[in-house]
Amino acid sequence: MDSKLTLSFNQDVVAKAKKYAAENNISLSRLIEHLLIQVTSSDYKSLDDYPISDWVSMVAEGEVEYKKTPKPSRKASKDEFFSSKK
């Protein structure tokens, strides 16, 4: 069951995250949910121990540089997301 949650983020981070989510055919809510699942799926002692994606580190620490890679199909993105929930 989904629950609503109110979060506050820096406007620049939100804009970049929305752009990333749109480019990857996923809603911002599902993107955040996916990241939270990843963070809570193991017993990390700190965020420094967590193998966080490069783009998240760049968004959090400074200027973002998007790398051009072939865009996966919408179906492939959905399949990847749902397989991560198993």
N, C-alpha and C. Protein backbone atom coordinates (compact mmCIF):
# COMPACT_ATOMS: atom_id res chain seq x y z
N MET A 1 0.84 -1.16 0.00
CA MET A 1 0.00 0.00 0.00
C MET A 1 0.90 1.24 0.00
N ASP A 2 0.57 2.20 -0.83
CA ASP A 2 1.34 3.44 -0.90
C ASP A 2 0.94 4.37 0.23
N SER A 3 1.91 5.14 0.70
CA SER A 3 1.69 6.16 1.72
C SER A 3 2.22 7.47 1.20
N LYS A 4 1.57 8.56 1.59
CA LYS A 4 2.04 9.88 1.19
C LYS A 4 3.09 10.36 2.17
N LEU A 5 4.06 11.10 1.65
CA LEU A 5 5.16 11.60 2.45
C LEU A 5 5.52 12.98 1.94
N THR A 6 5.72 13.91 2.83
CA THR A 6 6.12 15.26 2.43
C THR A 6 7.60 15.42 2.74
N LEU A 7 8.36 15.78 1.72
CA LEU A 7 9.80 15.97 1.86
C LEU A 7 10.18 17.36 1.35
N SER A 8 11.28 17.88 1.84
CA SER A 8 11.79 19.16 1.37
C SER A 8 13.19 18.96 0.81
N PHE A 9 13.41 19.48 -0.41
CA PHE A 9 14.69 19.38 -1.08
C PHE A 9 15.06 20.74 -1.66
N ASN A 10 16.33 20.94 -1.91
CA ASN A 10 16.82 22.10 -2.62
C ASN A 10 16.17 22.11 -4.01
N GLN A 11 15.74 23.29 -4.49
CA GLN A 11 15.05 23.39 -5.79
C GLN A 11 15.89 22.86 -6.94
N ASP A 12 17.18 23.11 -6.91
CA ASP A 12 18.05 22.63 -7.99
C ASP A 12 18.10 21.11 -8.01
N VAL A 13 18.15 20.50 -6.84
CA VAL A 13 18.17 19.03 -6.75
C VAL A 13 16.87 18.47 -7.31
N VAL A 14 15.75 19.09 -6.96
CA VAL A 14 14.45 18.62 -7.45
C VAL A 14 14.39 18.72 -8.97
N ALA A 15 14.84 19.84 -9.52
CA ALA A 15 14.80 20.01 -10.97
C ALA A 15 15.65 18.96 -11.67
N LYS A 16 16.83 18.71 -11.15
CA LYS A 16 17.72 17.71 -11.75
C LYS A 16 17.15 16.30 -11.60
N ALA A 17 16.55 16.02 -10.45
CA ALA A 17 15.96 14.69 -10.23
C ALA A 17 14.76 14.48 -11.15
N LYS A 18 13.95 15.51 -11.34
CA LYS A 18 12.80 15.41 -12.25
C LYS A 18 13.27 15.15 -13.68
N LYS A 19 14.32 15.85 -14.08
CA LYS A 19 14.85 15.65 -15.42
C LYS A 19 15.36 14.21 -15.58
N TYR A 20 16.09 13.73 -14.59
CA TYR A 20 16.61 12.36 -14.63
C TYR A 20 15.45 11.35 -14.70
N ALA A 21 14.44 11.55 -13.86
CA ALA A 21 13.30 10.64 -13.84
C ALA A 21 12.59 10.63 -15.19
N ALA A 22 12.37 11.81 -15.76
CA ALA A 22 11.70 11.90 -17.06
C ALA A 22 12.51 11.20 -18.15
N GLU A 23 13.82 11.40 -18.13
CA GLU A 23 14.68 10.76 -19.14
C GLU A 23 14.70 9.24 -19.00
N ASN A 24 14.36 8.74 -17.82
CA ASN A 24 14.37 7.30 -17.58
C ASN A 24 12.98 6.71 -17.43
N ASN A 25 11.98 7.47 -17.87
CA ASN A 25 10.59 7.00 -17.89
C ASN A 25 10.13 6.43 -16.55
N ILE A 26 10.40 7.17 -15.48
CA ILE A 26 9.96 6.75 -14.15
C ILE A 26 9.50 8.00 -13.42
N SER A 27 8.50 7.85 -12.57
CA SER A 27 8.04 9.01 -11.82
C SER A 27 9.05 9.36 -10.73
N LEU A 28 9.03 10.59 -10.32
CA LEU A 28 9.94 11.02 -9.26
C LEU A 28 9.65 10.25 -7.97
N SER A 29 8.39 9.99 -7.70
CA SER A 29 8.02 9.21 -6.51
C SER A 29 8.63 7.82 -6.54
N ARG A 30 8.54 7.16 -7.66
CA ARG A 30 9.09 5.80 -7.78
C ARG A 30 10.61 5.82 -7.74
N LEU A 31 11.22 6.87 -8.29
CA LEU A 31 12.67 7.00 -8.22
C LEU A 31 13.12 7.13 -6.77
N ILE A 32 12.47 7.99 -6.01
CA ILE A 32 12.82 8.16 -4.59
C ILE A 32 12.56 6.86 -3.84
N GLU A 33 11.44 6.20 -4.14
CA GLU A 33 11.13 4.92 -3.49
C GLU A 33 12.23 3.90 -3.78
N HIS A 34 12.66 3.84 -5.03
CA HIS A 34 13.73 2.91 -5.42
C HIS A 34 15.01 3.19 -4.64
N LEU A 35 15.39 4.47 -4.53
CA LEU A 35 16.60 4.83 -3.78
C LEU A 35 16.47 4.46 -2.31
N LEU A 36 15.29 4.70 -1.73
CA LEU A 36 15.09 4.35 -0.32
C LEU A 36 15.12 2.84 -0.11
N ILE A 37 14.59 2.09 -1.05
CA ILE A 37 14.67 0.63 -0.97
C ILE A 37 16.12 0.19 -0.99
N GLN A 38 16.90 0.78 -1.88
CA GLN A 38 18.32 0.42 -1.98
C GLN A 38 19.07 0.74 -0.69
N VAL A 39 18.81 1.91 -0.13
CA VAL A 39 19.51 2.33 1.10
C VAL A 39 19.13 1.44 2.27
N THR A 40 17.87 1.04 2.35
CA THR A 40 17.40 0.27 3.50
C THR A 40 17.49 -1.23 3.32
N SER A 41 17.94 -1.69 2.16
CA SER A 41 17.97 -3.14 1.90
C SER A 41 19.14 -3.84 2.59
N SER A 42 20.12 -3.10 3.01
CA SER A 42 21.27 -3.67 3.70
C SER A 42 21.55 -2.88 4.97
N ASP A 43 22.42 -3.42 5.78
CA ASP A 43 22.72 -2.79 7.05
C ASP A 43 23.95 -1.89 6.92
N TYR A 44 23.78 -0.74 6.27
CA TYR A 44 24.88 0.20 6.12
C TYR A 44 25.03 1.00 7.42
N LYS A 45 26.26 1.15 7.87
CA LYS A 45 26.51 1.90 9.11
C LYS A 45 26.44 3.41 8.87
N SER A 46 26.72 3.83 7.66
CA SER A 46 26.62 5.24 7.30
C SER A 46 26.41 5.35 5.79
N LEU A 47 26.05 6.53 5.34
CA LEU A 47 25.88 6.73 3.90
C LEU A 47 27.19 6.61 3.15
N ASP A 48 28.31 6.81 3.85
CA ASP A 48 29.61 6.64 3.20
C ASP A 48 29.84 5.19 2.78
N ASP A 49 29.21 4.25 3.48
CA ASP A 49 29.34 2.83 3.15
C ASP A 49 28.45 2.43 1.98
N TYR A 50 27.43 3.23 1.71
CA TYR A 50 26.45 2.89 0.68
C TYR A 50 27.02 3.18 -0.71
N PRO A 51 26.97 2.18 -1.62
CA PRO A 51 27.49 2.39 -2.98
C PRO A 51 26.49 3.16 -3.84
N ILE A 52 26.37 4.43 -3.56
CA ILE A 52 25.35 5.26 -4.21
C ILE A 52 25.75 5.59 -5.65
N SER A 53 24.77 5.74 -6.48
CA SER A 53 25.01 6.03 -7.90
C SER A 53 25.80 7.32 -8.07
N ASP A 54 26.60 7.38 -9.12
CA ASP A 54 27.39 8.58 -9.39
C ASP A 54 26.52 9.82 -9.51
N TRP A 55 25.36 9.70 -10.19
CA TRP A 55 24.55 10.89 -10.42
C TRP A 55 24.01 11.44 -9.11
N VAL A 56 23.71 10.57 -8.14
CA VAL A 56 23.22 11.05 -6.85
C VAL A 56 24.33 11.81 -6.13
N SER A 57 25.54 11.29 -6.18
CA SER A 57 26.67 11.97 -5.56
C SER A 57 26.89 13.34 -6.20
N MET A 58 26.80 13.39 -7.53
CA MET A 58 27.01 14.66 -8.22
C MET A 58 25.92 15.67 -7.87
N VAL A 59 24.66 15.21 -7.80
CA VAL A 59 23.56 16.10 -7.45
C VAL A 59 23.76 16.64 -6.04
N ALA A 60 24.17 15.77 -5.14
CA ALA A 60 24.33 16.18 -3.75
C ALA A 60 25.54 17.06 -3.53
N GLU A 61 26.59 16.88 -4.30
CA GLU A 61 27.85 17.56 -4.03
C GLU A 61 28.20 18.69 -4.99
N GLY A 62 27.52 18.83 -6.08
CA GLY A 62 27.88 19.90 -7.00
C GLY A 62 27.27 19.74 -8.36
N GLU A 63 27.96 20.25 -9.35
CA GLU A 63 27.46 20.28 -10.71
C GLU A 63 27.26 18.87 -11.27
N VAL A 64 26.15 18.71 -11.97
CA VAL A 64 25.82 17.41 -12.56
C VAL A 64 26.25 17.38 -14.01
N GLU A 65 26.84 16.29 -14.40
CA GLU A 65 27.22 16.09 -15.80
C GLU A 65 26.57 14.80 -16.26
N TYR A 66 25.58 14.92 -17.15
CA TYR A 66 24.88 13.74 -17.63
C TYR A 66 25.69 13.08 -18.74
N LYS A 67 25.85 11.78 -18.63
CA LYS A 67 26.56 11.03 -19.66
C LYS A 67 25.53 10.49 -20.64
N LYS A 68 25.82 10.62 -21.91
CA LYS A 68 24.92 10.14 -22.94
C LYS A 68 25.11 8.64 -23.13
N THR A 69 24.09 7.89 -22.80
CA THR A 69 24.08 6.46 -23.03
C THR A 69 22.78 6.11 -23.75
N PRO A 70 22.75 4.99 -24.43
CA PRO A 70 21.51 4.61 -25.10
C PRO A 70 20.37 4.52 -24.09
N LYS A 71 19.26 5.14 -24.43
CA LYS A 71 18.11 5.17 -23.54
C LYS A 71 17.40 3.81 -23.58
N PRO A 72 17.23 3.15 -22.41
CA PRO A 72 16.54 1.87 -22.43
C PRO A 72 15.06 2.07 -22.76
N SER A 73 14.45 1.04 -23.26
CA SER A 73 13.03 1.15 -23.58
C SER A 73 12.23 1.30 -22.29
N ARG A 74 11.04 1.80 -22.42
CA ARG A 74 10.16 1.98 -21.26
C ARG A 74 9.91 0.63 -20.58
N LYS A 75 9.69 -0.41 -21.39
CA LYS A 75 9.44 -1.74 -20.84
C LYS A 75 10.66 -2.23 -20.06
N ALA A 76 11.86 -2.02 -20.60
CA ALA A 76 13.08 -2.45 -19.91
C ALA A 76 13.24 -1.71 -18.58
N SER A 77 12.91 -0.42 -18.57
CA SER A 77 13.00 0.35 -17.33
C SER A 77 12.01 -0.18 -16.29
N LYS A 78 10.78 -0.46 -16.74
CA LYS A 78 9.78 -1.01 -15.81
C LYS A 78 10.21 -2.37 -15.28
N ASP A 79 10.69 -3.22 -16.18
CA ASP A 79 11.13 -4.56 -15.79
C ASP A 79 12.26 -4.48 -14.76
N GLU A 80 13.20 -3.59 -15.00
CA GLU A 80 14.33 -3.42 -14.06
C GLU A 80 13.83 -2.95 -12.70
N PHE A 81 12.93 -1.98 -12.71
CA PHE A 81 12.39 -1.44 -11.45
C PHE A 81 11.66 -2.54 -10.67
N PHE A 82 10.75 -3.25 -11.34
CA PHE A 82 9.96 -4.25 -10.64
C PHE A 82 10.78 -5.46 -10.23
N SER A 83 11.82 -5.78 -10.98
CA SER A 83 12.67 -6.91 -10.57
C SER A 83 13.48 -6.54 -9.33
N SER A 84 13.74 -5.25 -9.12
CA SER A 84 14.48 -4.83 -7.93
C SER A 84 13.62 -4.93 -6.67
N LYS A 85 12.30 -5.02 -6.84
CA LYS A 85 11.40 -5.11 -5.70
C LYS A 85 11.20 -6.55 -5.21
N LYS A 86 11.72 -7.52 -5.97
CA LYS A 86 11.53 -8.93 -5.62
C LYS A 86 12.47 -9.35 -4.53
